[in-house]
Amino acid sequence: MGDEVTISYATTLADGTPLESLQSKGAFTYKLGAGAPFRGLDEAVASMRLG
């Protein structure tokens, strides 16, 4: 915790319809564990591994 992370994402509905994307807005950076921009993000990012 406390690491700075930069993420970009795109979400789609089950049928492939785009829902939300940061691809047009660019990535964003925040400090892990300091209150993620939306619910569940800290846990999801903290559990990721390289590879």
C-alpha atoms as a PDB file:
ATOM      1  CA  MET A   1       0.000   0.000   0.000  1.00  0.00           C
ATOM      2  CA  GLY A   2       1.072   3.556  -0.616  1.00  0.00           C
ATOM      3  CA  ASP A   3       2.485   2.826  -4.072  1.00  0.00           C
ATOM      4  CA  GLU A   4       1.496   5.155  -6.875  1.00  0.00           C
ATOM      5  CA  VAL A   5      -0.369   3.308  -9.625  1.00  0.00           C
ATOM      6  CA  THR A   6      -1.441   4.385 -13.098  1.00  0.00           C
ATOM      7  CA  ILE A   7      -4.337   2.610 -14.774  1.00  0.00           C
ATOM      8  CA  SER A   8      -6.425   2.769 -17.896  1.00  0.00           C
ATOM      9  CA  TYR A   9      -9.487   0.652 -18.517  1.00  0.00           C
ATOM     10  CA  ALA A  10     -12.495   0.022 -20.719  1.00  0.00           C
ATOM     11  CA  THR A  11     -15.728  -1.676 -19.668  1.00  0.00           C
ATOM     12  CA  THR A  12     -18.329  -3.311 -21.886  1.00  0.00           C
ATOM     13  CA  LEU A  13     -21.702  -4.949 -21.463  1.00  0.00           C
ATOM     14  CA  ALA A  14     -22.015  -8.707 -21.990  1.00  0.00           C
ATOM     15  CA  ASP A  15     -23.008  -8.101 -25.622  1.00  0.00           C
ATOM     16  CA  GLY A  16     -19.856  -6.045 -26.250  1.00  0.00           C
ATOM     17  CA  THR A  17     -21.506  -2.619 -26.153  1.00  0.00           C
ATOM     18  CA  PRO A  18     -19.011  -0.077 -24.748  1.00  0.00           C
ATOM     19  CA  LEU A  19     -20.023   1.229 -21.340  1.00  0.00           C
ATOM     20  CA  GLU A  20     -17.145   3.363 -20.118  1.00  0.00           C
ATOM     21  CA  SER A  21     -13.578   3.937 -21.221  1.00  0.00           C
ATOM     22  CA  LEU A  22     -10.545   5.938 -20.168  1.00  0.00           C
ATOM     23  CA  GLN A  23      -8.879   5.302 -23.513  1.00  0.00           C
ATOM     24  CA  SER A  24     -10.147   8.628 -24.890  1.00  0.00           C
ATOM     25  CA  LYS A  25      -9.441  10.473 -21.604  1.00  0.00           C
ATOM     26  CA  GLY A  26      -6.059   8.912 -20.875  1.00  0.00           C
ATOM     27  CA  ALA A  27      -4.852   6.955 -17.863  1.00  0.00           C
ATOM     28  CA  PHE A  28      -5.108   8.237 -14.315  1.00  0.00           C
ATOM     29  CA  THR A  29      -2.734   7.946 -11.370  1.00  0.00           C
ATOM     30  CA  TYR A  30      -3.580   7.581  -7.688  1.00  0.00           C
ATOM     31  CA  LYS A  31      -1.968   6.382  -4.464  1.00  0.00           C
ATOM     32  CA  LEU A  32      -2.899   2.791  -3.587  1.00  0.00           C
ATOM     33  CA  GLY A  33      -4.699   2.593  -0.246  1.00  0.00           C
ATOM     34  CA  ALA A  34      -5.436   6.309  -0.020  1.00  0.00           C
ATOM     35  CA  GLY A  35      -9.050   5.998  -1.135  1.00  0.00           C
ATOM     36  CA  ALA A  36      -9.519   4.792  -4.674  1.00  0.00           C
ATOM     37  CA  PRO A  37     -11.593   6.816  -7.123  1.00  0.00           C
ATOM     38  CA  PHE A  38     -14.259   4.096  -7.049  1.00  0.00           C
ATOM     39  CA  ARG A  39     -15.282   1.188  -4.840  1.00  0.00           C
ATOM     40  CA  GLY A  40     -13.226  -2.001  -5.080  1.00  0.00           C
ATOM     41  CA  LEU A  41     -10.379  -0.521  -7.106  1.00  0.00           C
ATOM     42  CA  ASP A  42      -7.787  -0.647  -4.304  1.00  0.00           C
ATOM     43  CA  GLU A  43      -8.464  -4.329  -3.654  1.00  0.00           C
ATOM     44  CA  ALA A  44      -8.431  -5.223  -7.347  1.00  0.00           C
ATOM     45  CA  VAL A  45      -5.189  -3.387  -8.133  1.00  0.00           C
ATOM     46  CA  ALA A  46      -3.440  -4.591  -4.955  1.00  0.00           C
ATOM     47  CA  SER A  47      -4.175  -8.214  -5.904  1.00  0.00           C
ATOM     48  CA  MET A  48      -2.706  -7.898  -9.432  1.00  0.00           C
ATOM     49  CA  ARG A  49       0.648  -9.436 -10.302  1.00  0.00           C
ATOM     50  CA  LEU A  50       3.057  -8.877 -13.170  1.00  0.00           C
ATOM     51  CA  GLY A  51       2.838 -11.275 -16.027  1.00  0.00           C
END
